[in-house]
C-alpha atoms as a PDB file:
ATOM      1  CA  VAL A   1      -9.690 -15.371  -9.419  1.00  0.00           C
ATOM      2  CA  ILE A   2      -8.963 -18.839 -10.357  1.00  0.00           C
ATOM      3  CA  SER A   3     -11.631 -21.305  -9.145  1.00  0.00           C
ATOM      4  CA  PRO A   4     -10.721 -24.295  -7.163  1.00  0.00           C
ATOM      5  CA  GLN A   5     -11.072 -26.581 -10.386  1.00  0.00           C
ATOM      6  CA  GLY A   6      -8.276 -24.460 -11.853  1.00  0.00           C
ATOM      7  CA  MET A   7     -10.681 -22.614 -14.369  1.00  0.00           C
ATOM      8  CA  PRO A   8     -10.495 -18.940 -14.931  1.00  0.00           C
ATOM      9  CA  SER A   9     -13.600 -16.662 -14.137  1.00  0.00           C
ATOM     10  CA  TRP A  10     -15.384 -15.419 -17.175  1.00  0.00           C
ATOM     11  CA  ASP A  11     -13.820 -11.796 -16.722  1.00  0.00           C
ATOM     12  CA  GLU A  12     -10.393 -13.295 -16.610  1.00  0.00           C
ATOM     13  CA  PHE A  13     -11.026 -15.429 -19.751  1.00  0.00           C
ATOM     14  CA  ALA A  14     -12.670 -12.705 -21.730  1.00  0.00           C
ATOM     15  CA  GLY A  15     -10.035 -10.314 -20.668  1.00  0.00           C
ATOM     16  CA  GLY A  16      -7.261 -12.753 -22.002  1.00  0.00           C
ATOM     17  CA  VAL A  17      -8.950 -12.908 -25.407  1.00  0.00           C
ATOM     18  CA  ARG A  18      -9.394  -9.058 -25.541  1.00  0.00           C
ATOM     19  CA  SER A  19      -5.360  -8.952 -24.508  1.00  0.00           C
ATOM     20  CA  VAL A  20      -4.652 -11.172 -27.564  1.00  0.00           C
ATOM     21  CA  LEU A  21      -6.799  -8.770 -29.823  1.00  0.00           C
ATOM     22  CA  ASP A  22      -5.109  -5.880 -28.666  1.00  0.00           C
ATOM     23  CA  GLN A  23      -1.863  -7.272 -29.132  1.00  0.00           C
ATOM     24  CA  VAL A  24      -2.273  -8.443 -32.802  1.00  0.00           C
ATOM     25  CA  ARG A  25      -3.790  -4.934 -33.338  1.00  0.00           C
ATOM     26  CA  ARG A  26      -0.674  -3.310 -31.836  1.00  0.00           C
ATOM     27  CA  ASP A  27       2.112  -5.513 -32.996  1.00  0.00           C
ATOM     28  CA  TYR A  28       0.862  -6.772 -36.382  1.00  0.00           C
ATOM     29  CA  ALA A  29      -0.579  -3.582 -38.067  1.00  0.00           C
ATOM     30  CA  GLY A  30      -1.166  -4.139 -41.569  1.00  0.00           C
ATOM     31  CA  GLN A  31      -0.290  -7.875 -41.766  1.00  0.00           C
ATOM     32  CA  ASN A  32      -2.226 -10.905 -42.023  1.00  0.00           C
ATOM     33  CA  VAL A  33      -2.193 -13.071 -38.827  1.00  0.00           C
ATOM     34  CA  LEU A  34      -3.514 -16.572 -38.429  1.00  0.00           C
ATOM     35  CA  LEU A  35      -5.117 -17.411 -34.962  1.00  0.00           C
ATOM     36  CA  VAL A  36      -5.999 -21.119 -34.336  1.00  0.00           C
ATOM     37  CA  SER A  37      -8.215 -21.772 -31.596  1.00  0.00           C
ATOM     38  CA  SER A  38     -11.326 -23.625 -30.242  1.00  0.00           C
ATOM     39  CA  GLY A  39     -14.799 -22.209 -30.105  1.00  0.00           C
ATOM     40  CA  GLY A  40     -14.757 -20.420 -26.663  1.00  0.00           C
ATOM     41  CA  PRO A  41     -12.087 -17.832 -27.606  1.00  0.00           C
ATOM     42  CA  ILE A  42     -13.366 -17.417 -31.122  1.00  0.00           C
ATOM     43  CA  SER A  43     -16.839 -16.719 -29.859  1.00  0.00           C
ATOM     44  CA  THR A  44     -15.399 -14.441 -27.076  1.00  0.00           C
ATOM     45  CA  ALA A  45     -13.662 -12.538 -29.717  1.00  0.00           C
ATOM     46  CA  VAL A  46     -16.598 -12.126 -31.676  1.00  0.00           C
ATOM     47  CA  GLY A  47     -18.967 -11.212 -28.750  1.00  0.00           C
ATOM     48  CA  HIS A  48     -16.185  -8.458 -27.656  1.00  0.00           C
ATOM     49  CA  VAL A  49     -16.171  -6.922 -31.277  1.00  0.00           C
ATOM     50  CA  LEU A  50     -20.009  -7.015 -31.289  1.00  0.00           C
ATOM     51  CA  GLY A  51     -20.412  -5.671 -27.801  1.00  0.00           C
ATOM     52  CA  THR A  52     -22.684  -8.797 -26.709  1.00  0.00           C
ATOM     53  CA  THR A  53     -23.590 -10.389 -23.345  1.00  0.00           C
ATOM     54  CA  PRO A  54     -21.638 -13.077 -22.048  1.00  0.00           C
ATOM     55  CA  GLU A  55     -25.125 -15.144 -22.442  1.00  0.00           C
ATOM     56  CA  THR A  56     -25.062 -14.284 -26.201  1.00  0.00           C
ATOM     57  CA  THR A  57     -21.525 -15.085 -26.518  1.00  0.00           C
ATOM     58  CA  ILE A  58     -21.995 -18.718 -25.160  1.00  0.00           C
ATOM     59  CA  GLU A  59     -24.786 -19.014 -27.830  1.00  0.00           C
ATOM     60  CA  LEU A  60     -22.245 -17.976 -30.545  1.00  0.00           C
ATOM     61  CA  ASN A  61     -19.801 -20.719 -29.332  1.00  0.00           C
ATOM     62  CA  LEU A  62     -22.758 -23.308 -29.591  1.00  0.00           C
ATOM     63  CA  ARG A  63     -23.204 -22.286 -33.380  1.00  0.00           C
ATOM     64  CA  ILE A  64     -19.721 -22.535 -34.430  1.00  0.00           C
ATOM     65  CA  ARG A  65     -19.092 -25.319 -36.961  1.00  0.00           C
ATOM     66  CA  ASN A  66     -15.853 -27.290 -36.772  1.00  0.00           C
ATOM     67  CA  SER A  67     -13.088 -25.956 -38.964  1.00  0.00           C
ATOM     68  CA  ALA A  68     -15.119 -22.859 -39.756  1.00  0.00           C
ATOM     69  CA  LEU A  69     -13.287 -19.540 -40.390  1.00  0.00           C
ATOM     70  CA  THR A  70     -13.699 -16.192 -38.556  1.00  0.00           C
ATOM     71  CA  GLU A  71     -12.173 -13.060 -39.970  1.00  0.00           C
ATOM     72  CA  PHE A  72     -11.370  -9.722 -38.266  1.00  0.00           C
ATOM     73  CA  VAL A  73     -10.270  -6.432 -39.349  1.00  0.00           C
ATOM     74  CA  PHE A  74      -8.088  -4.110 -37.354  1.00  0.00           C
ATOM     75  CA  THR A  75      -7.442  -0.437 -37.475  1.00  0.00           C
ATOM     76  CA  PRO A  76      -5.394   1.406 -35.098  1.00  0.00           C
ATOM     77  CA  LYS A  77      -8.463   2.138 -32.773  1.00  0.00           C
ATOM     78  CA  ARG A  78     -10.904  -0.665 -33.376  1.00  0.00           C
ATOM     79  CA  HIS A  79     -11.706  -4.332 -34.022  1.00  0.00           C
ATOM     80  CA  MET A  80     -14.297  -5.311 -36.405  1.00  0.00           C
ATOM     81  CA  LEU A  81     -15.980  -8.611 -37.585  1.00  0.00           C
ATOM     82  CA  LEU A  82     -15.464  -9.248 -41.403  1.00  0.00           C
ATOM     83  CA  THR A  83     -16.922 -13.051 -41.528  1.00  0.00           C
ATOM     84  CA  PHE A  84     -18.109 -15.517 -38.991  1.00  0.00           C
ATOM     85  CA  ASN A  85     -18.312 -19.370 -39.044  1.00  0.00           C
ATOM     86  CA  THR A  86     -17.699 -19.615 -42.868  1.00  0.00           C
ATOM     87  CA  LEU A  87     -16.593 -22.813 -44.455  1.00  0.00           C
ATOM     88  CA  PRO A  88     -15.095 -21.763 -47.911  1.00  0.00           C
ATOM     89  CA  HIS A  89     -12.625 -24.660 -47.715  1.00  0.00           C
ATOM     90  CA  LEU A  90     -15.706 -27.133 -47.681  1.00  0.00           C
ATOM     91  CA  GLU A  91     -17.562 -25.727 -50.445  1.00  0.00           C
ATOM     92  CA  GLY A  92     -19.126 -28.345 -52.861  1.00  0.00           C
ATOM     93  CA  LYS A  93     -21.228 -31.351 -52.494  1.00  0.00           C
ATOM     94  CA  GLU A  94     -18.468 -33.483 -52.053  1.00  0.00           C
ATOM     95  CA  HIS A  95     -17.748 -32.198 -48.587  1.00  0.00           C
ATOM     96  CA  ALA A  96     -21.497 -31.753 -47.276  1.00  0.00           C
ATOM     97  CA  GLU A  97     -20.947 -34.665 -44.806  1.00  0.00           C
ATOM     98  CA  TRP A  98     -17.772 -33.041 -43.551  1.00  0.00           C
ATOM     99  CA  ILE A  99     -19.548 -30.175 -41.969  1.00  0.00           C
ATOM    100  CA  THR A 100     -20.269 -30.757 -38.469  1.00  0.00           C
ATOM    101  CA  SER A 101     -20.701 -28.522 -35.221  1.00  0.00           C
ATOM    102  CA  ALA A 102     -19.114 -28.863 -31.906  1.00  0.00           C
END
């Protein structure tokens, strides 16, 4: 149910994220896929894969650094987390001040 403010409920939002993960697993087996998103869907995907509570998922969202990478591995039956919140493109002292959180 969409709230009067036009925002989906938690269950709708999380269901949409799960649907995308399922679609990637189903339609792109064996391929690399790049999804670009904000922290909410990223933390929701991580929370789904790890089986966290909504409260823990929100805490994950608050820890995501701007431009961080999160990687998943998909098999025909499951999603797995490979990396979370990494910044390999900002390694090195010259980029230290570029690292920020939302």
